[in-house]
All heavy atoms as atom14 arrays in JSON, in Angstrom:
{
  "sequence": "MIPPDVAICDACVRDIDTPGGRYAGYWATSCVNCGPRYSIIRTL",
  "atom14_mask": [
    [1, 1, 1, 1, 1, 1, 1, 1, 0, 0, 0, 0, 0, 0],
    [1, 1, 1, 1, 1, 1, 1, 1, 0, 0, 0, 0, 0, 0],
    [1, 1, 1, 1, 1, 1, 1, 0, 0, 0, 0, 0, 0, 0],
    [1, 1, 1, 1, 1, 1, 1, 0, 0, 0, 0, 0, 0, 0],
    [1, 1, 1, 1, 1, 1, 1, 1, 0, 0, 0, 0, 0, 0],
    [1, 1, 1, 1, 1, 1, 1, 0, 0, 0, 0, 0, 0, 0],
    [1, 1, 1, 1, 1, 0, 0, 0, 0, 0, 0, 0, 0, 0],
    [1, 1, 1, 1, 1, 1, 1, 1, 0, 0, 0, 0, 0, 0],
    [1, 1, 1, 1, 1, 1, 0, 0, 0, 0, 0, 0, 0, 0],
    [1, 1, 1, 1, 1, 1, 1, 1, 0, 0, 0, 0, 0, 0],
    [1, 1, 1, 1, 1, 0, 0, 0, 0, 0, 0, 0, 0, 0],
    [1, 1, 1, 1, 1, 1, 0, 0, 0, 0, 0, 0, 0, 0],
    [1, 1, 1, 1, 1, 1, 1, 0, 0, 0, 0, 0, 0, 0],
    [1, 1, 1, 1, 1, 1, 1, 1, 1, 1, 1, 0, 0, 0],
    [1, 1, 1, 1, 1, 1, 1, 1, 0, 0, 0, 0, 0, 0],
    [1, 1, 1, 1, 1, 1, 1, 1, 0, 0, 0, 0, 0, 0],
    [1, 1, 1, 1, 1, 1, 1, 1, 0, 0, 0, 0, 0, 0],
    [1, 1, 1, 1, 1, 1, 1, 0, 0, 0, 0, 0, 0, 0],
    [1, 1, 1, 1, 1, 1, 1, 0, 0, 0, 0, 0, 0, 0],
    [1, 1, 1, 1, 0, 0, 0, 0, 0, 0, 0, 0, 0, 0],
    [1, 1, 1, 1, 0, 0, 0, 0, 0, 0, 0, 0, 0, 0],
    [1, 1, 1, 1, 1, 1, 1, 1, 1, 1, 1, 0, 0, 0],
    [1, 1, 1, 1, 1, 1, 1, 1, 1, 1, 1, 1, 0, 0],
    [1, 1, 1, 1, 1, 0, 0, 0, 0, 0, 0, 0, 0, 0],
    [1, 1, 1, 1, 0, 0, 0, 0, 0, 0, 0, 0, 0, 0],
    [1, 1, 1, 1, 1, 1, 1, 1, 1, 1, 1, 1, 0, 0],
    [1, 1, 1, 1, 1, 1, 1, 1, 1, 1, 1, 1, 1, 1],
    [1, 1, 1, 1, 1, 0, 0, 0, 0, 0, 0, 0, 0, 0],
    [1, 1, 1, 1, 1, 1, 1, 0, 0, 0, 0, 0, 0, 0],
    [1, 1, 1, 1, 1, 1, 0, 0, 0, 0, 0, 0, 0, 0],
    [1, 1, 1, 1, 1, 1, 0, 0, 0, 0, 0, 0, 0, 0],
    [1, 1, 1, 1, 1, 1, 1, 0, 0, 0, 0, 0, 0, 0],
    [1, 1, 1, 1, 1, 1, 1, 1, 0, 0, 0, 0, 0, 0],
    [1, 1, 1, 1, 1, 1, 0, 0, 0, 0, 0, 0, 0, 0],
    [1, 1, 1, 1, 0, 0, 0, 0, 0, 0, 0, 0, 0, 0],
    [1, 1, 1, 1, 1, 1, 1, 0, 0, 0, 0, 0, 0, 0],
    [1, 1, 1, 1, 1, 1, 1, 1, 1, 1, 1, 0, 0, 0],
    [1, 1, 1, 1, 1, 1, 1, 1, 1, 1, 1, 1, 0, 0],
    [1, 1, 1, 1, 1, 1, 0, 0, 0, 0, 0, 0, 0, 0],
    [1, 1, 1, 1, 1, 1, 1, 1, 0, 0, 0, 0, 0, 0],
    [1, 1, 1, 1, 1, 1, 1, 1, 0, 0, 0, 0, 0, 0],
    [1, 1, 1, 1, 1, 1, 1, 1, 1, 1, 1, 0, 0, 0],
    [1, 1, 1, 1, 1, 1, 1, 0, 0, 0, 0, 0, 0, 0],
    [1, 1, 1, 1, 1, 1, 1, 1, 0, 0, 0, 0, 0, 0]
  ],
  "atom14_positions": [
    [[41.88, 42.93, 14.97], [41.71, 42.8, 13.53], [42.65, 43.77, 12.86], [43.0, 44.81, 13.43], [40.26, 43.11, 13.11], [39.97, 42.79, 11.65], [40.21, 41.04, 11.27], [40.24, 41.04, 9.5], [0.0, 0.0, 0.0], [0.0, 0.0, 0.0], [0.0, 0.0, 0.0], [0.0, 0.0, 0.0], [0.0, 0.0, 0.0], [0.0, 0.0, 0.0]],
    [[43.08, 43.44, 11.66], [43.89, 44.35, 10.87], [42.99, 45.47, 10.37], [41.82, 45.23, 10.04], [44.58, 43.61, 9.7], [45.76, 44.39, 9.15], [43.59, 43.3, 8.6], [46.96, 44.4, 10.05], [0.0, 0.0, 0.0], [0.0, 0.0, 0.0], [0.0, 0.0, 0.0], [0.0, 0.0, 0.0], [0.0, 0.0, 0.0], [0.0, 0.0, 0.0]],
    [[43.45, 46.71, 10.3], [42.59, 47.79, 9.81], [42.43, 47.72, 8.3], [43.2, 47.06, 7.6], [43.35, 49.06, 10.23], [44.78, 48.64, 10.26], [44.77, 47.21, 10.75], [0.0, 0.0, 0.0], [0.0, 0.0, 0.0], [0.0, 0.0, 0.0], [0.0, 0.0, 0.0], [0.0, 0.0, 0.0], [0.0, 0.0, 0.0], [0.0, 0.0, 0.0]],
    [[41.45, 48.43, 7.77], [41.3, 48.5, 6.31], [42.46, 49.27, 5.69], [43.2, 49.99, 6.36], [39.99, 49.28, 6.13], [39.32, 49.28, 7.46], [40.4, 49.18, 8.47], [0.0, 0.0, 0.0], [0.0, 0.0, 0.0], [0.0, 0.0, 0.0], [0.0, 0.0, 0.0], [0.0, 0.0, 0.0], [0.0, 0.0, 0.0], [0.0, 0.0, 0.0]],
    [[42.61, 49.11, 4.38], [43.53, 49.96, 3.64], [43.04, 51.41, 3.73], [41.84, 51.66, 3.71], [43.56, 49.57, 2.16], [44.05, 48.14, 1.95], [44.72, 47.61, 2.85], [43.77, 47.56, 0.89], [0.0, 0.0, 0.0], [0.0, 0.0, 0.0], [0.0, 0.0, 0.0], [0.0, 0.0, 0.0], [0.0, 0.0, 0.0], [0.0, 0.0, 0.0]],
    [[43.98, 52.35, 3.83], [43.59, 53.76, 3.87], [44.36, 54.53, 2.81], [45.38, 54.08, 2.3], [43.83, 54.39, 5.26], [42.89, 53.79, 6.28], [45.28, 54.21, 5.71], [0.0, 0.0, 0.0], [0.0, 0.0, 0.0], [0.0, 0.0, 0.0], [0.0, 0.0, 0.0], [0.0, 0.0, 0.0], [0.0, 0.0, 0.0], [0.0, 0.0, 0.0]],
    [[43.86, 55.71, 2.5], [44.45, 56.52, 1.43], [45.83, 57.03, 1.83], [46.15, 57.19, 3.01], [43.53, 57.7, 1.12], [0.0, 0.0, 0.0], [0.0, 0.0, 0.0], [0.0, 0.0, 0.0], [0.0, 0.0, 0.0], [0.0, 0.0, 0.0], [0.0, 0.0, 0.0], [0.0, 0.0, 0.0], [0.0, 0.0, 0.0], [0.0, 0.0, 0.0]],
    [[46.65, 57.31, 0.83], [47.96, 57.9, 1.05], [47.78, 59.24, 1.79], [46.84, 59.99, 1.51], [48.7, 58.09, -0.28], [50.13, 58.58, -0.04], [47.94, 59.01, -1.23], [50.99, 58.58, -1.3], [0.0, 0.0, 0.0], [0.0, 0.0, 0.0], [0.0, 0.0, 0.0], [0.0, 0.0, 0.0], [0.0, 0.0, 0.0], [0.0, 0.0, 0.0]],
    [[48.65, 59.52, 2.74], [48.53, 60.76, 3.52], [49.18, 61.92, 2.77], [49.97, 61.74, 1.84], [49.15, 60.59, 4.9], [50.96, 60.38, 4.89], [0.0, 0.0, 0.0], [0.0, 0.0, 0.0], [0.0, 0.0, 0.0], [0.0, 0.0, 0.0], [0.0, 0.0, 0.0], [0.0, 0.0, 0.0], [0.0, 0.0, 0.0], [0.0, 0.0, 0.0]],
    [[48.86, 63.14, 3.2], [49.39, 64.34, 2.55], [50.91, 64.41, 2.63], [51.57, 64.87, 1.69], [48.78, 65.59, 3.18], [47.29, 65.73, 2.88], [46.82, 65.08, 1.92], [46.61, 66.48, 3.6], [0.0, 0.0, 0.0], [0.0, 0.0, 0.0], [0.0, 0.0, 0.0], [0.0, 0.0, 0.0], [0.0, 0.0, 0.0], [0.0, 0.0, 0.0]],
    [[51.48, 63.94, 3.75], [52.93, 63.99, 3.91], [53.62, 63.11, 2.88], [54.66, 63.47, 2.31], [53.32, 63.58, 5.32], [0.0, 0.0, 0.0], [0.0, 0.0, 0.0], [0.0, 0.0, 0.0], [0.0, 0.0, 0.0], [0.0, 0.0, 0.0], [0.0, 0.0, 0.0], [0.0, 0.0, 0.0], [0.0, 0.0, 0.0], [0.0, 0.0, 0.0]],
    [[53.04, 61.93, 2.62], [53.63, 61.04, 1.62], [53.45, 61.59, 0.2], [54.32, 61.41, -0.66], [53.05, 59.63, 1.74], [53.73, 58.69, 3.14], [0.0, 0.0, 0.0], [0.0, 0.0, 0.0], [0.0, 0.0, 0.0], [0.0, 0.0, 0.0], [0.0, 0.0, 0.0], [0.0, 0.0, 0.0], [0.0, 0.0, 0.0], [0.0, 0.0, 0.0]],
    [[52.32, 62.25, -0.05], [52.14, 62.9, -1.36], [53.22, 63.97, -1.56], [53.8, 64.09, -2.65], [50.73, 63.51, -1.48], [50.62, 64.33, -2.76], [49.67, 62.41, -1.47], [0.0, 0.0, 0.0], [0.0, 0.0, 0.0], [0.0, 0.0, 0.0], [0.0, 0.0, 0.0], [0.0, 0.0, 0.0], [0.0, 0.0, 0.0], [0.0, 0.0, 0.0]],
    [[53.51, 64.74, -0.51], [54.57, 65.75, -0.61], [55.92, 65.08, -0.89], [56.73, 65.6, -1.66], [54.63, 66.58, 0.66], [53.5, 67.58, 0.81], [53.77, 68.59, 1.9], [53.8, 67.96, 3.22], [52.74, 67.8, 4.0], [51.54, 68.21, 3.58], [52.84, 67.23, 5.18], [0.0, 0.0, 0.0], [0.0, 0.0, 0.0], [0.0, 0.0, 0.0]],
    [[56.16, 63.94, -0.25], [57.41, 63.22, -0.51], [57.52, 62.82, -1.99], [58.58, 62.91, -2.6], [57.5, 61.96, 0.37], [57.78, 62.28, 1.82], [58.2, 63.41, 2.11], [57.56, 61.39, 2.66], [0.0, 0.0, 0.0], [0.0, 0.0, 0.0], [0.0, 0.0, 0.0], [0.0, 0.0, 0.0], [0.0, 0.0, 0.0], [0.0, 0.0, 0.0]],
    [[56.42, 62.35, -2.55], [56.41, 61.94, -3.95], [56.68, 63.14, -4.86], [57.37, 63.02, -5.88], [55.06, 61.29, -4.31], [54.91, 59.94, -3.6], [54.93, 61.08, -5.82], [53.54, 59.32, -3.76], [0.0, 0.0, 0.0], [0.0, 0.0, 0.0], [0.0, 0.0, 0.0], [0.0, 0.0, 0.0], [0.0, 0.0, 0.0], [0.0, 0.0, 0.0]],
    [[56.15, 64.29, -4.47], [56.24, 65.49, -5.31], [57.52, 66.29, -5.11], [57.74, 67.28, -5.81], [55.03, 66.4, -5.03], [53.72, 65.8, -5.51], [53.76, 64.89, -6.36], [52.66, 66.23, -5.02], [0.0, 0.0, 0.0], [0.0, 0.0, 0.0], [0.0, 0.0, 0.0], [0.0, 0.0, 0.0], [0.0, 0.0, 0.0], [0.0, 0.0, 0.0]],
    [[58.34, 65.9, -4.13], [59.56, 66.66, -3.83], [60.72, 66.2, -4.71], [61.21, 65.08, -4.54], [59.94, 66.51, -2.34], [58.85, 66.96, -1.53], [61.19, 67.34, -2.03], [0.0, 0.0, 0.0], [0.0, 0.0, 0.0], [0.0, 0.0, 0.0], [0.0, 0.0, 0.0], [0.0, 0.0, 0.0], [0.0, 0.0, 0.0], [0.0, 0.0, 0.0]],
    [[61.17, 67.03, -5.66], [62.28, 66.63, -6.54], [63.55, 66.35, -5.74], [63.87, 67.07, -4.78], [62.47, 67.85, -7.45], [61.17, 68.6, -7.37], [60.66, 68.37, -5.98], [0.0, 0.0, 0.0], [0.0, 0.0, 0.0], [0.0, 0.0, 0.0], [0.0, 0.0, 0.0], [0.0, 0.0, 0.0], [0.0, 0.0, 0.0], [0.0, 0.0, 0.0]],
    [[64.23, 65.3, -6.11], [65.49, 64.97, -5.46], [65.37, 64.19, -4.18], [66.38, 63.71, -3.64], [0.0, 0.0, 0.0], [0.0, 0.0, 0.0], [0.0, 0.0, 0.0], [0.0, 0.0, 0.0], [0.0, 0.0, 0.0], [0.0, 0.0, 0.0], [0.0, 0.0, 0.0], [0.0, 0.0, 0.0], [0.0, 0.0, 0.0], [0.0, 0.0, 0.0]],
    [[64.16, 64.05, -3.66], [63.97, 63.3, -2.42], [64.01, 61.8, -2.66], [63.92, 61.33, -3.79], [0.0, 0.0, 0.0], [0.0, 0.0, 0.0], [0.0, 0.0, 0.0], [0.0, 0.0, 0.0], [0.0, 0.0, 0.0], [0.0, 0.0, 0.0], [0.0, 0.0, 0.0], [0.0, 0.0, 0.0], [0.0, 0.0, 0.0], [0.0, 0.0, 0.0]],
    [[64.11, 61.03, -1.58], [64.19, 59.57, -1.71], [62.94, 58.97, -2.33], [62.98, 57.92, -2.95], [64.41, 58.93, -0.34], [65.82, 58.98, 0.14], [66.23, 57.85, 1.08], [65.22, 57.25, 1.9], [64.75, 56.01, 1.72], [65.18, 55.27, 0.73], [63.85, 55.51, 2.55], [0.0, 0.0, 0.0], [0.0, 0.0, 0.0], [0.0, 0.0, 0.0]],
    [[61.81, 59.63, -2.12], [60.54, 59.08, -2.59], [59.99, 59.82, -3.8], [58.84, 59.58, -4.19], [59.53, 59.1, -1.44], [59.99, 58.3, -0.25], [60.59, 58.92, 0.83], [59.86, 56.92, -0.24], [61.04, 58.18, 1.93], [60.31, 56.17, 0.84], [60.9, 56.8, 1.92], [61.35, 56.07, 2.99], [0.0, 0.0, 0.0], [0.0, 0.0, 0.0]],
    [[60.78, 60.68, -4.39], [60.32, 61.46, -5.54], [59.84, 60.52, -6.66], [60.59, 59.67, -7.13], [61.43, 62.36, -6.05], [0.0, 0.0, 0.0], [0.0, 0.0, 0.0], [0.0, 0.0, 0.0], [0.0, 0.0, 0.0], [0.0, 0.0, 0.0], [0.0, 0.0, 0.0], [0.0, 0.0, 0.0], [0.0, 0.0, 0.0], [0.0, 0.0, 0.0]],
    [[58.59, 60.67, -7.03], [58.04, 59.89, -8.14], [57.83, 58.42, -7.85], [57.51, 57.66, -8.77], [0.0, 0.0, 0.0], [0.0, 0.0, 0.0], [0.0, 0.0, 0.0], [0.0, 0.0, 0.0], [0.0, 0.0, 0.0], [0.0, 0.0, 0.0], [0.0, 0.0, 0.0], [0.0, 0.0, 0.0], [0.0, 0.0, 0.0], [0.0, 0.0, 0.0]],
    [[57.94, 57.99, -6.56], [57.8, 56.55, -6.28], [56.35, 56.22, -5.94], [55.77, 56.74, -5.0], [58.71, 56.11, -5.14], [58.63, 54.62, -4.91], [58.9, 53.73, -5.96], [58.22, 54.09, -3.69], [58.77, 52.36, -5.79], [58.1, 52.73, -3.51], [58.38, 51.87, -4.56], [58.25, 50.51, -4.41], [0.0, 0.0, 0.0], [0.0, 0.0, 0.0]],
    [[55.78, 55.3, -6.67], [54.35, 55.03, -6.65], [53.85, 54.39, -5.36], [52.69, 54.58, -4.98], [53.99, 54.1, -7.82], [54.38, 52.67, -7.58], [55.59, 52.12, -7.8], [53.55, 51.63, -7.05], [55.6, 50.8, -7.45], [54.36, 50.47, -6.99], [52.23, 51.56, -6.62], [53.86, 49.25, -6.51], [51.74, 50.36, -6.15], [52.55, 49.22, -6.1]],
    [[54.71, 53.62, -4.66], [54.25, 52.86, -3.48], [54.69, 53.51, -2.18], [54.85, 52.83, -1.17], [54.75, 51.42, -3.56], [0.0, 0.0, 0.0], [0.0, 0.0, 0.0], [0.0, 0.0, 0.0], [0.0, 0.0, 0.0], [0.0, 0.0, 0.0], [0.0, 0.0, 0.0], [0.0, 0.0, 0.0], [0.0, 0.0, 0.0], [0.0, 0.0, 0.0]],
    [[54.88, 54.81, -2.18], [55.29, 55.52, -0.97], [54.18, 55.46, 0.09], [53.0, 55.67, -0.21], [55.59, 56.99, -1.31], [56.66, 57.02, -2.27], [56.0, 57.77, -0.08], [0.0, 0.0, 0.0], [0.0, 0.0, 0.0], [0.0, 0.0, 0.0], [0.0, 0.0, 0.0], [0.0, 0.0, 0.0], [0.0, 0.0, 0.0], [0.0, 0.0, 0.0]],
    [[54.57, 55.14, 1.33], [53.61, 55.11, 2.44], [54.36, 55.27, 3.75], [55.59, 55.33, 3.79], [52.82, 53.8, 2.44], [53.67, 52.7, 2.71], [0.0, 0.0, 0.0], [0.0, 0.0, 0.0], [0.0, 0.0, 0.0], [0.0, 0.0, 0.0], [0.0, 0.0, 0.0], [0.0, 0.0, 0.0], [0.0, 0.0, 0.0], [0.0, 0.0, 0.0]],
    [[53.61, 55.33, 4.85], [54.22, 55.45, 6.18], [53.32, 54.76, 7.2], [52.36, 54.06, 6.82], [54.46, 56.92, 6.54], [52.94, 57.87, 6.8], [0.0, 0.0, 0.0], [0.0, 0.0, 0.0], [0.0, 0.0, 0.0], [0.0, 0.0, 0.0], [0.0, 0.0, 0.0], [0.0, 0.0, 0.0], [0.0, 0.0, 0.0], [0.0, 0.0, 0.0]],
    [[53.59, 54.96, 8.49], [52.77, 54.28, 9.5], [51.33, 54.77, 9.51], [50.45, 54.11, 10.05], [53.36, 54.46, 10.93], [54.68, 53.74, 11.05], [53.48, 55.92, 11.3], [0.0, 0.0, 0.0], [0.0, 0.0, 0.0], [0.0, 0.0, 0.0], [0.0, 0.0, 0.0], [0.0, 0.0, 0.0], [0.0, 0.0, 0.0], [0.0, 0.0, 0.0]],
    [[51.08, 55.93, 8.9], [49.74, 56.53, 8.95], [48.91, 56.29, 7.7], [47.77, 56.77, 7.63], [49.87, 58.04, 9.18], [50.53, 58.37, 10.5], [50.25, 57.74, 11.51], [51.42, 59.35, 10.49], [0.0, 0.0, 0.0], [0.0, 0.0, 0.0], [0.0, 0.0, 0.0], [0.0, 0.0, 0.0], [0.0, 0.0, 0.0], [0.0, 0.0, 0.0]],
    [[49.45, 55.58, 6.72], [48.69, 55.45, 5.48], [49.1, 54.21, 4.69], [50.08, 53.54, 5.03], [48.88, 56.7, 4.61], [50.53, 56.89, 3.88], [0.0, 0.0, 0.0], [0.0, 0.0, 0.0], [0.0, 0.0, 0.0], [0.0, 0.0, 0.0], [0.0, 0.0, 0.0], [0.0, 0.0, 0.0], [0.0, 0.0, 0.0], [0.0, 0.0, 0.0]],
    [[48.33, 53.95, 3.64], [48.69, 52.89, 2.71], [47.95, 51.58, 2.94], [47.01, 51.49, 3.72], [0.0, 0.0, 0.0], [0.0, 0.0, 0.0], [0.0, 0.0, 0.0], [0.0, 0.0, 0.0], [0.0, 0.0, 0.0], [0.0, 0.0, 0.0], [0.0, 0.0, 0.0], [0.0, 0.0, 0.0], [0.0, 0.0, 0.0], [0.0, 0.0, 0.0]],
    [[48.39, 50.53, 2.24], [47.7, 49.24, 2.31], [47.89, 48.55, 3.65], [48.95, 48.66, 4.27], [48.35, 48.44, 1.18], [49.71, 49.03, 1.02], [49.55, 50.49, 1.32], [0.0, 0.0, 0.0], [0.0, 0.0, 0.0], [0.0, 0.0, 0.0], [0.0, 0.0, 0.0], [0.0, 0.0, 0.0], [0.0, 0.0, 0.0], [0.0, 0.0, 0.0]],
    [[46.88, 47.85, 4.09], [46.94, 47.04, 5.3], [46.29, 45.68, 5.02], [46.95, 44.69, 4.82], [46.23, 47.74, 6.48], [46.87, 49.05, 6.92], [48.26, 48.87, 7.5], [48.77, 50.07, 8.14], [49.44, 51.05, 7.54], [49.64, 51.0, 6.24], [49.89, 52.09, 8.23], [0.0, 0.0, 0.0], [0.0, 0.0, 0.0], [0.0, 0.0, 0.0]],
    [[44.95, 45.67, 4.96], [44.22, 44.43, 4.74], [44.62, 43.75, 3.43], [44.75, 42.53, 3.37], [42.72, 44.7, 4.76], [41.87, 43.51, 4.39], [41.73, 42.43, 5.27], [41.2, 43.45, 3.16], [40.95, 41.33, 4.92], [40.43, 42.36, 2.82], [40.3, 41.3, 3.71], [39.53, 40.21, 3.36], [0.0, 0.0, 0.0], [0.0, 0.0, 0.0]],
    [[44.83, 44.53, 2.39], [45.08, 43.94, 1.07], [46.42, 43.21, 0.99], [46.63, 42.42, 0.07], [45.01, 45.01, -0.02], [46.04, 45.97, 0.15], [0.0, 0.0, 0.0], [0.0, 0.0, 0.0], [0.0, 0.0, 0.0], [0.0, 0.0, 0.0], [0.0, 0.0, 0.0], [0.0, 0.0, 0.0], [0.0, 0.0, 0.0], [0.0, 0.0, 0.0]],
    [[47.32, 43.45, 1.96], [48.64, 42.81, 1.89], [48.89, 41.81, 3.01], [49.89, 41.09, 2.99], [49.78, 43.86, 1.9], [49.8, 44.64, 3.22], [49.68, 44.79, 0.7], [51.03, 45.51, 3.39], [0.0, 0.0, 0.0], [0.0, 0.0, 0.0], [0.0, 0.0, 0.0], [0.0, 0.0, 0.0], [0.0, 0.0, 0.0], [0.0, 0.0, 0.0]],
    [[48.01, 41.71, 4.0], [48.27, 40.89, 5.18], [47.98, 39.41, 4.89], [47.01, 39.06, 4.23], [47.42, 41.35, 6.38], [47.81, 40.62, 7.67], [45.94, 41.19, 6.1], [49.14, 41.04, 8.21], [0.0, 0.0, 0.0], [0.0, 0.0, 0.0], [0.0, 0.0, 0.0], [0.0, 0.0, 0.0], [0.0, 0.0, 0.0], [0.0, 0.0, 0.0]],
    [[48.88, 38.55, 5.38], [48.65, 37.11, 5.29], [48.2, 36.54, 6.63], [47.3, 35.73, 6.7], [49.93, 36.41, 4.82], [50.32, 36.73, 3.38], [51.35, 35.74, 2.84], [51.62, 36.01, 1.44], [52.66, 36.71, 0.99], [53.53, 37.21, 1.86], [52.84, 36.93, -0.3], [0.0, 0.0, 0.0], [0.0, 0.0, 0.0], [0.0, 0.0, 0.0]],
    [[48.87, 36.96, 7.68], [48.52, 36.47, 9.01], [49.02, 37.45, 10.05], [49.81, 38.35, 9.74], [49.13, 35.07, 9.26], [48.64, 34.55, 10.5], [50.64, 35.12, 9.3], [0.0, 0.0, 0.0], [0.0, 0.0, 0.0], [0.0, 0.0, 0.0], [0.0, 0.0, 0.0], [0.0, 0.0, 0.0], [0.0, 0.0, 0.0], [0.0, 0.0, 0.0]],
    [[48.54, 37.31, 11.27], [48.97, 38.16, 12.38], [50.0, 37.42, 13.22], [50.03, 36.2, 13.23], [47.75, 38.54, 13.24], [46.76, 39.5, 12.58], [45.51, 39.62, 13.45], [47.37, 40.87, 12.36], [0.0, 0.0, 0.0], [0.0, 0.0, 0.0], [0.0, 0.0, 0.0], [0.0, 0.0, 0.0], [0.0, 0.0, 0.0], [0.0, 0.0, 0.0]]
  ]
}
């Protein structure tokens, strides 16, 4: 089964908060350890 959606991880929050980084201020930042799963899956 696909896992449930999980909360953004601390590392991704740091990426969002790091000025000048690739993910600075980006709302949909995620990685293999966090973010949407079930809410975006169509099929396996």
